[in-house]
Amino acid sequence: MKNTRSTLLAIASLAILGCSSLKLESEYKDPDRVLFHANKLLVVGITPDMAVREDFETRLREVFSGEGIETVRSIDLFDVAFTQTPQTEEELDRVEQQLLDKDFDAILLTKVVGTERHTNLAQSLGEIGAAYERFSRDYVVHQDIYFDKAYYEAPTDYYTETSLYCICVGKERSLVWRNNILISNPRNPEKAIRDYIRMISNRMEHNQVLLGTDIF
């Protein structure tokens, strides 16, 4: 049970044997964007478990690198002190500018909350286009996941939220696409991660964000 909880942290960021399943709860795409392609992408899984975060981000890197997108894991970019110290929006804005200076043009942020914590995401589920439109705000609001393992102590169902942010030169830094998925009764952690990544990849291709843009 402990191993299952730990692995699910990364999907959050960082989903299935038996009766477990994945269900698309809600999805948002910026109506002003027909498609969105990135040349250099940062993938971030918010989890207190370093090993799980590394595994999840590595799997995502394989997906996007295979499609010709230069992909960097946050575990290779952010030092331990960064994730262990609460960040302000102003500090995250500076991080965005540093990423822009290093030719990044997009950030993919994933986090998981347990069922009993789902009320904390009520606004983003109910008003998905309006909540957390900037990476800095999204990260600041949810960074306590790095420190609070109680998020994953009890529930058998998990809500995941994956958000894609543009930090493109000459364009507003804003939300491009967001996806919320319910993972019910996960029993096989590794298969859960594979299935989750496959599902969000399919949704990205469907929405022509990062994947399915006919650029590659």
Protein backbone atom coordinates (compact mmCIF):
# COMPACT_ATOMS: atom_id res chain seq x y z
CA MET A 1 0.00 0.00 0.00
CA LYS A 2 2.84 2.36 0.87
CA ASN A 3 4.51 1.66 -2.48
CA THR A 4 1.28 2.33 -4.34
CA ARG A 5 0.81 5.67 -2.60
CA SER A 6 4.36 6.73 -3.29
CA THR A 7 4.20 5.95 -6.98
CA LEU A 8 0.95 7.82 -7.40
CA LEU A 9 2.53 10.95 -5.96
CA ALA A 10 4.51 11.48 -9.12
CA ILE A 11 1.52 11.61 -11.37
CA ALA A 12 1.09 14.75 -9.94
CA SER A 13 2.57 15.84 -11.00
CA LEU A 14 2.71 13.25 -11.00
CA ALA A 15 -2.03 6.57 -13.25
CA ILE A 16 -4.27 -0.80 -13.30
CA LEU A 17 -5.35 -4.13 -12.47
CA GLY A 18 -8.72 -5.46 -11.39
CA CYS A 19 -11.49 -2.90 -11.18
CA SER A 20 -9.29 0.22 -11.29
CA SER A 21 -9.98 2.77 -14.03
CA LEU A 22 -9.22 6.22 -15.42
CA LYS A 23 -11.94 8.73 -16.19
CA LEU A 24 -11.64 12.13 -17.83
CA GLU A 25 -13.31 14.56 -15.42
CA SER A 26 -12.82 17.85 -17.24
CA GLU A 27 -10.63 19.47 -19.84
CA TYR A 28 -9.87 23.00 -20.98
CA LYS A 29 -8.07 24.39 -24.00
CA ASP A 30 -7.43 28.05 -24.71
CA PRO A 31 -10.06 28.82 -27.38
CA ASP A 32 -7.70 31.26 -29.07
CA ARG A 33 -5.19 28.50 -29.90
CA VAL A 34 -5.87 26.09 -32.75
CA LEU A 35 -2.70 24.16 -31.98
CA PHE A 36 0.32 24.60 -29.73
CA HIS A 37 3.83 23.32 -30.39
CA ALA A 38 6.89 23.69 -28.17
CA ASN A 39 10.54 23.37 -29.06
CA LYS A 40 11.82 23.08 -25.48
CA LEU A 41 9.64 21.76 -22.65
CA LEU A 42 10.08 21.53 -18.88
CA VAL A 43 8.14 18.70 -17.19
CA VAL A 44 7.33 19.09 -13.49
CA GLY A 45 5.81 16.44 -11.22
CA ILE A 46 4.89 17.77 -7.77
CA THR A 47 5.58 15.04 -5.20
CA PRO A 48 7.57 14.65 -1.97
CA ASP A 49 9.01 11.34 -3.25
CA MET A 50 12.17 12.07 -5.24
CA ALA A 51 12.47 8.59 -6.77
CA VAL A 52 8.87 8.59 -7.97
CA ARG A 53 9.16 12.10 -9.33
CA GLU A 54 12.24 11.04 -11.29
CA ASP A 55 10.48 8.00 -12.75
CA PHE A 56 7.40 9.96 -13.81
CA GLU A 57 9.33 12.84 -15.35
CA THR A 58 11.63 10.39 -17.15
CA ARG A 59 8.66 8.63 -18.75
CA LEU A 60 7.23 11.95 -19.92
CA ARG A 61 10.60 12.99 -21.31
CA GLU A 62 10.68 9.79 -23.38
CA VAL A 63 7.25 10.55 -24.84
CA PHE A 64 8.00 14.11 -25.90
CA SER A 65 11.62 13.56 -26.91
CA GLY A 66 10.37 10.81 -29.21
CA GLU A 67 8.24 13.46 -30.94
CA GLY A 68 11.15 15.82 -31.49
CA ILE A 69 10.57 18.11 -28.49
CA GLU A 70 13.63 18.87 -26.38
CA THR A 71 12.40 17.88 -22.93
CA VAL A 72 14.02 18.60 -19.57
CA ARG A 73 13.00 17.11 -16.22
CA SER A 74 12.54 19.49 -13.30
CA ILE A 75 14.62 17.09 -11.24
CA ASP A 76 17.58 18.03 -13.45
CA LEU A 77 16.89 21.76 -13.30
CA PHE A 78 15.63 22.54 -9.79
CA ASP A 79 17.98 21.84 -6.91
CA VAL A 80 16.74 20.20 -3.70
CA ALA A 81 16.65 23.52 -1.87
CA PHE A 82 14.20 24.91 -4.43
CA THR A 83 11.55 22.23 -3.89
CA GLN A 84 12.11 22.10 -0.12
CA THR A 85 11.60 25.84 0.30
CA PRO A 86 8.23 27.54 -0.28
CA GLN A 87 8.38 29.84 -3.30
CA THR A 88 6.48 33.09 -3.85
CA GLU A 89 4.79 34.11 -7.09
CA GLU A 90 7.46 36.75 -7.60
CA GLU A 91 10.19 34.11 -7.27
CA LEU A 92 8.37 31.83 -9.70
CA ASP A 93 8.02 34.71 -12.16
CA ARG A 94 11.80 35.05 -12.07
CA VAL A 95 12.13 31.31 -12.67
CA GLU A 96 9.90 31.66 -15.73
CA GLN A 97 12.12 34.43 -17.06
CA GLN A 98 15.22 32.30 -16.48
CA LEU A 99 13.57 29.45 -18.39
CA LEU A 100 12.71 31.84 -21.20
CA ASP A 101 16.33 32.99 -21.30
CA LYS A 102 17.34 29.33 -21.68
CA ASP A 103 15.00 28.95 -24.70
CA PHE A 104 12.21 27.06 -22.93
CA ASP A 105 8.80 27.87 -24.36
CA ALA A 106 6.48 25.61 -22.33
CA ILE A 107 6.02 24.00 -18.91
CA LEU A 108 3.96 20.86 -18.22
CA LEU A 109 2.94 20.65 -14.55
CA THR A 110 1.29 17.57 -13.02
CA LYS A 111 -0.03 17.01 -9.50
CA VAL A 112 -2.23 14.50 -7.68
CA VAL A 113 -4.65 15.04 -4.82
CA GLY A 114 -6.53 12.35 -2.92
CA THR A 115 -10.31 12.13 -3.04
CA GLU A 116 -10.75 13.75 0.36
CA ARG A 117 -8.62 16.67 -0.83
CA HIS A 118 -10.62 17.11 -3.99
CA THR A 119 -12.57 20.01 -2.51
CA ASN A 120 -9.32 22.00 -2.66
CA LEU A 121 -9.54 21.78 -6.45
CA ALA A 122 -13.22 22.60 -6.69
CA GLN A 123 -12.57 25.96 -8.26
CA SER A 124 -10.23 24.61 -10.92
CA LEU A 125 -12.64 21.79 -11.74
CA GLY A 126 -15.71 23.99 -11.77
CA GLU A 127 -14.14 27.00 -13.44
CA ILE A 128 -11.26 25.33 -15.19
CA GLY A 129 -10.61 28.10 -17.65
CA ALA A 130 -10.32 30.77 -14.99
CA ALA A 131 -8.30 29.13 -12.22
CA TYR A 132 -4.50 29.20 -12.09
CA GLU A 133 -3.90 30.73 -15.51
CA ARG A 134 -0.20 31.20 -14.79
CA PHE A 135 2.39 28.56 -13.93
CA SER A 136 3.67 30.66 -11.02
CA ARG A 137 0.24 30.85 -9.37
CA ASP A 138 -0.51 27.16 -9.94
CA TYR A 139 2.84 26.11 -8.45
CA VAL A 140 2.56 28.39 -5.42
CA VAL A 141 -0.98 27.23 -4.58
CA HIS A 142 -0.06 23.54 -4.72
CA GLN A 143 3.60 23.42 -3.66
CA ASP A 144 2.68 22.13 -0.19
CA ILE A 145 2.22 18.74 -1.87
CA TYR A 146 6.03 18.52 -1.80
CA PHE A 147 5.93 18.54 2.00
CA ASP A 148 2.59 17.00 3.00
CA LYS A 149 2.51 13.21 2.57
CA ALA A 150 -0.90 13.20 4.30
CA TYR A 151 -2.33 14.04 0.86
CA TYR A 152 -1.94 10.35 0.05
CA GLU A 153 -2.48 8.58 3.36
CA ALA A 154 -6.08 7.42 3.02
CA PRO A 155 -7.85 7.66 -0.34
CA THR A 156 -8.30 4.87 -2.88
CA ASP A 157 -9.28 7.32 -5.61
CA TYR A 158 -7.06 10.10 -6.90
CA TYR A 159 -7.71 13.25 -8.90
CA THR A 160 -4.87 14.29 -11.17
CA GLU A 161 -4.42 17.65 -12.81
CA THR A 162 -2.00 18.29 -15.68
CA SER A 163 -1.53 21.82 -16.99
CA LEU A 164 0.42 23.10 -19.98
CA TYR A 165 1.71 26.67 -19.80
CA CYS A 166 3.18 28.81 -22.55
CA ILE A 167 6.23 30.94 -21.72
CA CYS A 168 6.83 31.91 -25.34
CA VAL A 169 8.81 34.97 -26.44
CA GLY A 170 6.52 37.87 -27.32
CA LYS A 171 3.40 36.10 -26.06
CA GLU A 172 1.48 36.23 -22.80
CA ARG A 173 2.61 33.57 -20.33
CA SER A 174 -0.62 31.72 -19.80
CA LEU A 175 -2.50 28.44 -19.62
CA VAL A 176 -2.78 26.57 -22.92
CA TRP A 177 -4.44 23.32 -21.82
CA ARG A 178 -5.55 21.62 -18.62
CA ASN A 179 -6.76 18.08 -17.98
CA ASN A 180 -8.33 16.52 -14.87
CA ILE A 181 -8.52 12.73 -14.57
CA LEU A 182 -9.99 10.51 -11.84
CA ILE A 183 -7.97 7.37 -11.08
CA SER A 184 -10.19 4.88 -9.25
CA ASN A 185 -8.85 2.13 -6.99
CA PRO A 186 -5.31 1.87 -8.45
CA ARG A 187 -3.63 -1.43 -7.60
CA ASN A 188 -0.67 -1.68 -9.94
CA PRO A 189 1.42 1.51 -9.64
CA GLU A 190 3.62 1.04 -12.70
CA LYS A 191 0.71 0.16 -14.95
CA ALA A 192 -1.18 3.12 -13.50
CA ILE A 193 1.58 5.51 -14.54
CA ARG A 194 1.79 4.00 -18.03
CA ASP A 195 -1.97 4.20 -18.50
CA TYR A 196 -2.10 7.75 -17.20
CA ILE A 197 0.67 8.96 -19.49
CA ARG A 198 -0.95 7.18 -22.43
CA MET A 199 -4.28 8.87 -21.67
CA ILE A 200 -2.92 12.42 -21.37
CA SER A 201 -0.81 11.85 -24.49
CA ASN A 202 -3.95 10.86 -26.40
CA ARG A 203 -5.80 13.91 -25.09
CA MET A 204 -2.92 16.18 -26.12
CA GLU A 205 -2.94 14.72 -29.60
CA HIS A 206 -6.72 15.16 -29.78
CA ASN A 207 -6.40 18.81 -28.76
CA GLN A 208 -3.28 19.40 -30.87
CA VAL A 209 -1.14 20.61 -27.98
CA LEU A 210 2.48 19.40 -28.06
CA LEU A 211 1.41 16.18 -29.81
CA GLY A 212 -0.56 15.84 -33.04
CA THR A 213 0.42 19.26 -34.37
CA ASP A 214 1.62 17.89 -37.74
CA ILE A 215 4.91 19.73 -37.26
CA PHE A 216 7.12 16.74 -36.66
